[in-house]
Amino acid sequence: MAEAVFTHMVDEAGLSDKINVDSAGTGSWHIGEPACSGTRKVLARRGYKYHGRARQVNAADMSDPDGIVIAMSAENMRDLRHRYRNHPRQYRLLDFAENSDEQDVPDPYYEGNFEYVYQLVEDGCRGLLKAIQQSDGF
């Protein structure tokens, strides 16, 4: 969900030639699968076109010191740090949210709270893009 939302925001800002957006999970159990149907429905209702497939994060993802690594939760952060040590620019998405006190994006699959998760993701992505624009002078 976050990949589709952030890609859309980057495109709308005219920064797709400067910001590369990619997504990967810490687990391997859904590699090659599309996003779950609840996520696809939320995105489709809002007009997002998304055809991504799940993949697992790898060492190459974590090796670019100029890249930004965004995790959805503290658990994801711990997993990434355990496997790959600290990345110099690693944050949780909701570190950038301006309208939420939440720290972790919950997994909507188990609770069915896809709309709520979308709101969190949109808020975090908006703040992330603003932070990148300010820090990188875009």
N, C-alpha and C. Protein backbone atom coordinates (compact mmCIF):
# COMPACT_ATOMS: atom_id res chain seq x y z
N MET A 1 0.82 -1.18 0.00
CA MET A 1 0.00 0.00 0.00
C MET A 1 0.87 1.26 0.00
N ALA A 2 1.86 1.28 0.87
CA ALA A 2 2.73 2.46 0.97
C ALA A 2 3.49 2.71 -0.33
N GLU A 3 3.93 1.65 -0.98
CA GLU A 3 4.64 1.82 -2.25
C GLU A 3 3.75 2.51 -3.28
N ALA A 4 2.52 2.08 -3.40
CA ALA A 4 1.61 2.67 -4.38
C ALA A 4 1.30 4.13 -4.04
N VAL A 5 1.03 4.39 -2.78
CA VAL A 5 0.70 5.76 -2.35
C VAL A 5 1.89 6.69 -2.55
N PHE A 6 3.07 6.25 -2.11
CA PHE A 6 4.23 7.13 -2.21
C PHE A 6 4.65 7.33 -3.66
N THR A 7 4.58 6.29 -4.46
CA THR A 7 4.90 6.42 -5.89
C THR A 7 3.98 7.45 -6.53
N HIS A 8 2.71 7.39 -6.22
CA HIS A 8 1.74 8.35 -6.76
C HIS A 8 2.10 9.77 -6.34
N MET A 9 2.45 9.96 -5.08
CA MET A 9 2.81 11.30 -4.59
C MET A 9 4.08 11.82 -5.26
N VAL A 10 5.05 10.95 -5.43
CA VAL A 10 6.31 11.33 -6.09
C VAL A 10 6.03 11.72 -7.54
N ASP A 11 5.20 10.94 -8.22
CA ASP A 11 4.83 11.26 -9.60
C ASP A 11 4.12 12.61 -9.69
N GLU A 12 3.15 12.82 -8.80
CA GLU A 12 2.41 14.09 -8.81
C GLU A 12 3.31 15.29 -8.54
N ALA A 13 4.36 15.08 -7.74
CA ALA A 13 5.30 16.16 -7.42
C ALA A 13 6.33 16.37 -8.54
N GLY A 14 6.28 15.51 -9.57
CA GLY A 14 7.23 15.62 -10.67
C GLY A 14 8.64 15.20 -10.30
N LEU A 15 8.75 14.29 -9.34
CA LEU A 15 10.06 13.88 -8.84
C LEU A 15 10.42 12.44 -9.16
N SER A 16 9.67 11.80 -10.06
CA SER A 16 9.93 10.39 -10.33
C SER A 16 11.31 10.16 -10.97
N ASP A 17 11.90 11.20 -11.54
CA ASP A 17 13.25 11.06 -12.08
C ASP A 17 14.32 11.23 -11.00
N LYS A 18 13.92 11.69 -9.81
CA LYS A 18 14.87 11.91 -8.72
C LYS A 18 14.70 10.94 -7.55
N ILE A 19 13.49 10.41 -7.39
CA ILE A 19 13.18 9.53 -6.26
C ILE A 19 12.73 8.18 -6.80
N ASN A 20 13.47 7.14 -6.45
CA ASN A 20 13.12 5.78 -6.82
C ASN A 20 12.38 5.13 -5.65
N VAL A 21 11.20 4.64 -5.90
CA VAL A 21 10.38 4.02 -4.86
C VAL A 21 10.34 2.52 -5.10
N ASP A 22 10.59 1.76 -4.05
CA ASP A 22 10.54 0.31 -4.13
C ASP A 22 10.06 -0.21 -2.79
N SER A 23 9.62 -1.42 -2.75
CA SER A 23 9.05 -1.99 -1.55
C SER A 23 9.50 -3.44 -1.41
N ALA A 24 9.76 -3.83 -0.17
CA ALA A 24 10.13 -5.21 0.12
C ALA A 24 9.75 -5.53 1.56
N GLY A 25 9.41 -6.75 1.80
CA GLY A 25 9.03 -7.18 3.14
C GLY A 25 10.20 -7.85 3.86
N THR A 26 10.08 -7.96 5.16
CA THR A 26 11.13 -8.63 5.93
C THR A 26 10.96 -10.15 5.90
N GLY A 27 9.74 -10.61 5.63
CA GLY A 27 9.50 -12.05 5.57
C GLY A 27 9.46 -12.56 4.14
N SER A 28 9.55 -13.86 4.01
CA SER A 28 9.61 -14.46 2.68
C SER A 28 8.31 -15.15 2.27
N TRP A 29 7.32 -15.15 3.12
CA TRP A 29 6.16 -16.02 2.88
C TRP A 29 5.24 -15.57 1.75
N HIS A 30 5.36 -14.35 1.22
CA HIS A 30 4.47 -13.92 0.14
C HIS A 30 5.22 -13.53 -1.13
N ILE A 31 6.46 -13.93 -1.25
CA ILE A 31 7.28 -13.55 -2.41
C ILE A 31 6.54 -13.90 -3.71
N GLY A 32 6.48 -12.91 -4.60
CA GLY A 32 5.86 -13.10 -5.91
C GLY A 32 4.36 -12.86 -5.95
N GLU A 33 3.73 -12.72 -4.80
CA GLU A 33 2.29 -12.52 -4.75
C GLU A 33 1.94 -11.04 -4.85
N PRO A 34 0.74 -10.74 -5.38
CA PRO A 34 0.28 -9.34 -5.37
C PRO A 34 -0.12 -8.95 -3.95
N ALA A 35 -0.36 -7.66 -3.75
CA ALA A 35 -0.88 -7.20 -2.46
C ALA A 35 -2.20 -7.90 -2.18
N CYS A 36 -2.56 -8.01 -0.92
CA CYS A 36 -3.80 -8.70 -0.57
C CYS A 36 -5.00 -7.94 -1.13
N SER A 37 -6.10 -8.62 -1.26
CA SER A 37 -7.28 -8.04 -1.92
C SER A 37 -7.79 -6.79 -1.21
N GLY A 38 -7.73 -6.75 0.11
CA GLY A 38 -8.18 -5.57 0.85
C GLY A 38 -7.37 -4.34 0.49
N THR A 39 -6.06 -4.51 0.37
CA THR A 39 -5.19 -3.40 -0.04
C THR A 39 -5.51 -2.98 -1.46
N ARG A 40 -5.65 -3.94 -2.34
CA ARG A 40 -5.95 -3.61 -3.74
C ARG A 40 -7.28 -2.87 -3.87
N LYS A 41 -8.27 -3.25 -3.07
CA LYS A 41 -9.57 -2.59 -3.12
C LYS A 41 -9.47 -1.14 -2.64
N VAL A 42 -8.76 -0.91 -1.55
CA VAL A 42 -8.59 0.46 -1.03
C VAL A 42 -7.89 1.32 -2.06
N LEU A 43 -6.84 0.79 -2.66
CA LEU A 43 -6.10 1.55 -3.66
C LEU A 43 -6.96 1.83 -4.90
N ALA A 44 -7.69 0.83 -5.36
CA ALA A 44 -8.53 0.99 -6.55
C ALA A 44 -9.62 2.04 -6.33
N ARG A 45 -10.23 2.04 -5.14
CA ARG A 45 -11.27 3.02 -4.83
C ARG A 45 -10.75 4.45 -4.93
N ARG A 46 -9.46 4.61 -4.69
CA ARG A 46 -8.86 5.94 -4.72
C ARG A 46 -8.15 6.22 -6.05
N GLY A 47 -8.27 5.31 -6.99
CA GLY A 47 -7.73 5.54 -8.32
C GLY A 47 -6.26 5.21 -8.50
N TYR A 48 -5.66 4.53 -7.54
CA TYR A 48 -4.26 4.14 -7.68
C TYR A 48 -4.17 2.91 -8.58
N LYS A 49 -3.22 2.96 -9.47
CA LYS A 49 -2.92 1.78 -10.28
C LYS A 49 -1.70 1.11 -9.65
N TYR A 50 -1.85 -0.12 -9.24
CA TYR A 50 -0.75 -0.81 -8.58
C TYR A 50 -0.73 -2.27 -9.00
N HIS A 51 0.42 -2.71 -9.49
CA HIS A 51 0.56 -4.09 -9.95
C HIS A 51 1.81 -4.74 -9.36
N GLY A 52 2.25 -4.24 -8.21
CA GLY A 52 3.47 -4.75 -7.60
C GLY A 52 3.33 -6.18 -7.11
N ARG A 53 4.46 -6.78 -6.89
CA ARG A 53 4.54 -8.14 -6.35
C ARG A 53 5.47 -8.13 -5.15
N ALA A 54 5.17 -8.95 -4.18
CA ALA A 54 5.97 -9.00 -2.96
C ALA A 54 7.36 -9.58 -3.23
N ARG A 55 8.32 -9.00 -2.57
CA ARG A 55 9.67 -9.54 -2.56
C ARG A 55 10.25 -9.32 -1.18
N GLN A 56 11.34 -9.99 -0.88
CA GLN A 56 11.97 -9.86 0.43
C GLN A 56 13.15 -8.92 0.33
N VAL A 57 13.30 -8.11 1.35
CA VAL A 57 14.43 -7.18 1.41
C VAL A 57 15.73 -7.98 1.36
N ASN A 58 16.76 -7.38 0.73
CA ASN A 58 18.05 -8.07 0.61
C ASN A 58 19.19 -7.10 0.92
N ALA A 59 20.40 -7.60 0.92
CA ALA A 59 21.57 -6.80 1.27
C ALA A 59 21.74 -5.61 0.34
N ALA A 60 21.43 -5.77 -0.93
CA ALA A 60 21.56 -4.66 -1.88
C ALA A 60 20.64 -3.50 -1.51
N ASP A 61 19.45 -3.83 -1.02
CA ASP A 61 18.51 -2.79 -0.60
C ASP A 61 19.09 -1.94 0.53
N MET A 62 19.89 -2.57 1.35
CA MET A 62 20.42 -1.92 2.55
C MET A 62 21.81 -1.33 2.36
N SER A 63 22.37 -1.43 1.17
CA SER A 63 23.77 -1.04 0.98
C SER A 63 23.97 0.39 0.48
N ASP A 64 22.93 1.07 0.03
CA ASP A 64 23.07 2.43 -0.48
C ASP A 64 22.99 3.43 0.66
N PRO A 65 24.11 4.05 1.04
CA PRO A 65 24.07 4.99 2.17
C PRO A 65 23.27 6.25 1.88
N ASP A 66 23.02 6.54 0.60
CA ASP A 66 22.22 7.71 0.25
C ASP A 66 20.74 7.40 0.18
N GLY A 67 20.39 6.12 0.16
CA GLY A 67 19.00 5.72 0.11
C GLY A 67 18.33 5.92 1.46
N ILE A 68 17.03 5.86 1.46
CA ILE A 68 16.26 5.94 2.69
C ILE A 68 15.50 4.63 2.84
N VAL A 69 15.62 4.02 3.99
CA VAL A 69 14.91 2.77 4.28
C VAL A 69 13.77 3.10 5.24
N ILE A 70 12.57 2.77 4.82
CA ILE A 70 11.38 3.05 5.62
C ILE A 70 10.75 1.73 6.06
N ALA A 71 10.61 1.57 7.36
CA ALA A 71 9.96 0.38 7.91
C ALA A 71 8.56 0.76 8.38
N MET A 72 7.68 -0.20 8.39
CA MET A 72 6.31 0.05 8.83
C MET A 72 6.14 -0.04 10.33
N SER A 73 7.06 -0.74 11.01
CA SER A 73 6.89 -0.95 12.45
C SER A 73 8.23 -1.11 13.14
N ALA A 74 8.18 -1.03 14.46
CA ALA A 74 9.39 -1.26 15.26
C ALA A 74 9.90 -2.69 15.06
N GLU A 75 8.98 -3.62 14.90
CA GLU A 75 9.39 -5.01 14.66
C GLU A 75 10.16 -5.12 13.34
N ASN A 76 9.68 -4.46 12.30
CA ASN A 76 10.41 -4.45 11.02
C ASN A 76 11.79 -3.82 11.20
N MET A 77 11.86 -2.75 11.97
CA MET A 77 13.15 -2.08 12.21
C MET A 77 14.12 -3.05 12.89
N ARG A 78 13.63 -3.75 13.90
CA ARG A 78 14.48 -4.72 14.61
C ARG A 78 14.96 -5.81 13.66
N ASP A 79 14.07 -6.33 12.84
CA ASP A 79 14.44 -7.37 11.87
C ASP A 79 15.54 -6.87 10.93
N LEU A 80 15.35 -5.68 10.40
CA LEU A 80 16.34 -5.11 9.47
C LEU A 80 17.68 -4.89 10.15
N ARG A 81 17.65 -4.35 11.35
CA ARG A 81 18.91 -4.10 12.08
C ARG A 81 19.61 -5.40 12.45
N HIS A 82 18.82 -6.40 12.79
CA HIS A 82 19.41 -7.70 13.14
C HIS A 82 20.11 -8.32 11.94
N ARG A 83 19.50 -8.23 10.79
CA ARG A 83 20.07 -8.85 9.59
C ARG A 83 21.15 -8.02 8.92
N TYR A 84 20.97 -6.70 8.92
CA TYR A 84 21.84 -5.86 8.09
C TYR A 84 22.54 -4.74 8.86
N ARG A 85 22.44 -4.73 10.15
CA ARG A 85 22.96 -3.65 10.99
C ARG A 85 22.19 -2.37 10.71
N ASN A 86 22.67 -1.28 11.22
CA ASN A 86 21.97 -0.02 11.04
C ASN A 86 22.26 0.59 9.68
N HIS A 87 21.23 1.06 9.05
CA HIS A 87 21.36 1.84 7.83
C HIS A 87 21.39 3.31 8.29
N PRO A 88 22.22 4.14 7.68
CA PRO A 88 22.33 5.53 8.17
C PRO A 88 21.04 6.34 8.05
N ARG A 89 20.13 5.93 7.18
CA ARG A 89 18.88 6.67 7.00
C ARG A 89 17.71 5.68 7.05
N GLN A 90 17.48 5.15 8.24
CA GLN A 90 16.41 4.17 8.43
C GLN A 90 15.40 4.74 9.43
N TYR A 91 14.14 4.75 9.02
CA TYR A 91 13.07 5.33 9.83
C TYR A 91 11.83 4.47 9.74
N ARG A 92 10.88 4.75 10.62
CA ARG A 92 9.54 4.19 10.48
C ARG A 92 8.71 5.20 9.69
N LEU A 93 7.79 4.73 8.89
CA LEU A 93 6.97 5.62 8.08
C LEU A 93 6.26 6.66 8.93
N LEU A 94 5.74 6.23 10.06
CA LEU A 94 4.95 7.15 10.87
C LEU A 94 5.80 8.14 11.66
N ASP A 95 7.13 8.04 11.55
CA ASP A 95 8.00 9.10 12.08
C ASP A 95 7.71 10.40 11.34
N PHE A 96 7.14 10.30 10.14
CA PHE A 96 6.88 11.46 9.29
C PHE A 96 5.41 11.89 9.29
N ALA A 97 4.57 11.14 9.96
CA ALA A 97 3.14 11.46 9.99
C ALA A 97 2.91 12.73 10.80
N GLU A 98 2.02 13.57 10.30
CA GLU A 98 1.72 14.82 10.99
C GLU A 98 0.38 14.78 11.72
N ASN A 99 -0.45 13.79 11.42
CA ASN A 99 -1.80 13.76 11.97
C ASN A 99 -2.11 12.51 12.78
N SER A 100 -1.09 11.85 13.28
CA SER A 100 -1.30 10.62 14.02
C SER A 100 -0.28 10.48 15.14
N ASP A 101 -0.72 9.90 16.24
CA ASP A 101 0.19 9.58 17.34
C ASP A 101 0.68 8.15 17.26
N GLU A 102 0.16 7.40 16.29
CA GLU A 102 0.60 6.01 16.11
C GLU A 102 2.09 6.00 15.75
N GLN A 103 2.77 4.95 16.13
CA GLN A 103 4.18 4.81 15.76
C GLN A 103 4.37 3.71 14.73
N ASP A 104 3.53 2.71 14.77
CA ASP A 104 3.64 1.58 13.85
C ASP A 104 2.40 1.50 12.96
N VAL A 105 2.62 1.19 11.70
CA VAL A 105 1.51 0.93 10.79
C VAL A 105 1.06 -0.50 11.06
N PRO A 106 -0.18 -0.69 11.49
CA PRO A 106 -0.63 -2.06 11.75
C PRO A 106 -0.83 -2.83 10.45
N ASP A 107 -0.72 -4.14 10.54
CA ASP A 107 -0.99 -4.99 9.38
C ASP A 107 -2.50 -5.11 9.25
N PRO A 108 -3.08 -4.58 8.18
CA PRO A 108 -4.54 -4.59 8.07
C PRO A 108 -5.14 -5.95 7.76
N TYR A 109 -4.31 -6.89 7.38
CA TYR A 109 -4.80 -8.20 6.96
C TYR A 109 -5.62 -8.88 8.06
N TYR A 110 -5.13 -8.83 9.29
CA TYR A 110 -5.78 -9.56 10.37
C TYR A 110 -6.97 -8.83 10.96
N GLU A 111 -6.92 -7.51 10.97
CA GLU A 111 -7.99 -6.71 11.57
C GLU A 111 -9.02 -6.23 10.56
N GLY A 112 -8.65 -6.23 9.28
CA GLY A 112 -9.55 -5.74 8.25
C GLY A 112 -9.69 -4.23 8.23
N ASN A 113 -8.75 -3.53 8.87
CA ASN A 113 -8.83 -2.07 8.99
C ASN A 113 -8.05 -1.37 7.87
N PHE A 114 -8.35 -1.73 6.67
CA PHE A 114 -7.62 -1.23 5.51
C PHE A 114 -7.78 0.28 5.33
N GLU A 115 -8.96 0.81 5.59
CA GLU A 115 -9.19 2.26 5.46
C GLU A 115 -8.34 3.03 6.47
N TYR A 116 -8.32 2.57 7.71
CA TYR A 116 -7.52 3.22 8.74
C TYR A 116 -6.04 3.16 8.38
N VAL A 117 -5.58 2.02 7.95
CA VAL A 117 -4.18 1.86 7.56
C VAL A 117 -3.87 2.77 6.37
N TYR A 118 -4.79 2.88 5.43
CA TYR A 118 -4.58 3.79 4.31
C TYR A 118 -4.37 5.22 4.82
N GLN A 119 -5.19 5.66 5.75
CA GLN A 119 -5.07 7.02 6.28
C GLN A 119 -3.70 7.23 6.93
N LEU A 120 -3.24 6.24 7.69
CA LEU A 120 -1.91 6.33 8.31
C LEU A 120 -0.82 6.40 7.24
N VAL A 121 -0.92 5.52 6.26
CA VAL A 121 0.08 5.45 5.19
C VAL A 121 0.11 6.76 4.41
N GLU A 122 -1.05 7.28 4.07
CA GLU A 122 -1.10 8.53 3.33
C GLU A 122 -0.45 9.67 4.12
N ASP A 123 -0.76 9.75 5.40
CA ASP A 123 -0.19 10.78 6.27
C ASP A 123 1.33 10.63 6.35
N GLY A 124 1.80 9.42 6.57
CA GLY A 124 3.24 9.17 6.65
C GLY A 124 3.95 9.46 5.34
N CYS A 125 3.36 9.05 4.23
CA CYS A 125 3.96 9.29 2.92
C CYS A 125 4.02 10.78 2.60
N ARG A 126 2.97 11.49 2.93
CA ARG A 126 2.95 12.94 2.69
C ARG A 126 4.08 13.61 3.47
N GLY A 127 4.23 13.23 4.73
CA GLY A 127 5.30 13.79 5.56
C GLY A 127 6.69 13.38 5.08
N LEU A 128 6.82 12.15 4.63
CA LEU A 128 8.09 11.67 4.11
C LEU A 128 8.50 12.46 2.87
N LEU A 129 7.57 12.65 1.95
CA LEU A 129 7.88 13.40 0.74
C LEU A 129 8.28 14.83 1.09
N LYS A 130 7.57 15.43 2.00
CA LYS A 130 7.89 16.81 2.43
C LYS A 130 9.31 16.85 3.03
N ALA A 131 9.65 15.86 3.86
CA ALA A 131 10.99 15.82 4.47
C ALA A 131 12.07 15.65 3.42
N ILE A 132 11.84 14.80 2.44
CA ILE A 132 12.81 14.59 1.37
C ILE A 132 12.97 15.87 0.56
N GLN A 133 11.86 16.51 0.24
CA GLN A 133 11.92 17.74 -0.54
C GLN A 133 12.72 18.81 0.20
N GLN A 134 12.53 18.89 1.50
CA GLN A 134 13.25 19.89 2.29
C GLN A 134 14.72 19.56 2.43
N SER A 135 15.03 18.30 2.72
CA SER A 135 16.43 17.91 2.96
C SER A 135 17.25 17.85 1.68
N ASP A 136 16.62 17.47 0.58
CA ASP A 136 17.35 17.31 -0.68
C ASP A 136 17.16 18.48 -1.64
N GLY A 137 16.40 19.48 -1.21
CA GLY A 137 16.22 20.68 -2.02
C GLY A 137 15.40 20.50 -3.28
N PHE A 138 14.46 19.58 -3.28
CA PHE A 138 13.61 19.37 -4.46
C PHE A 138 12.46 20.35 -4.45
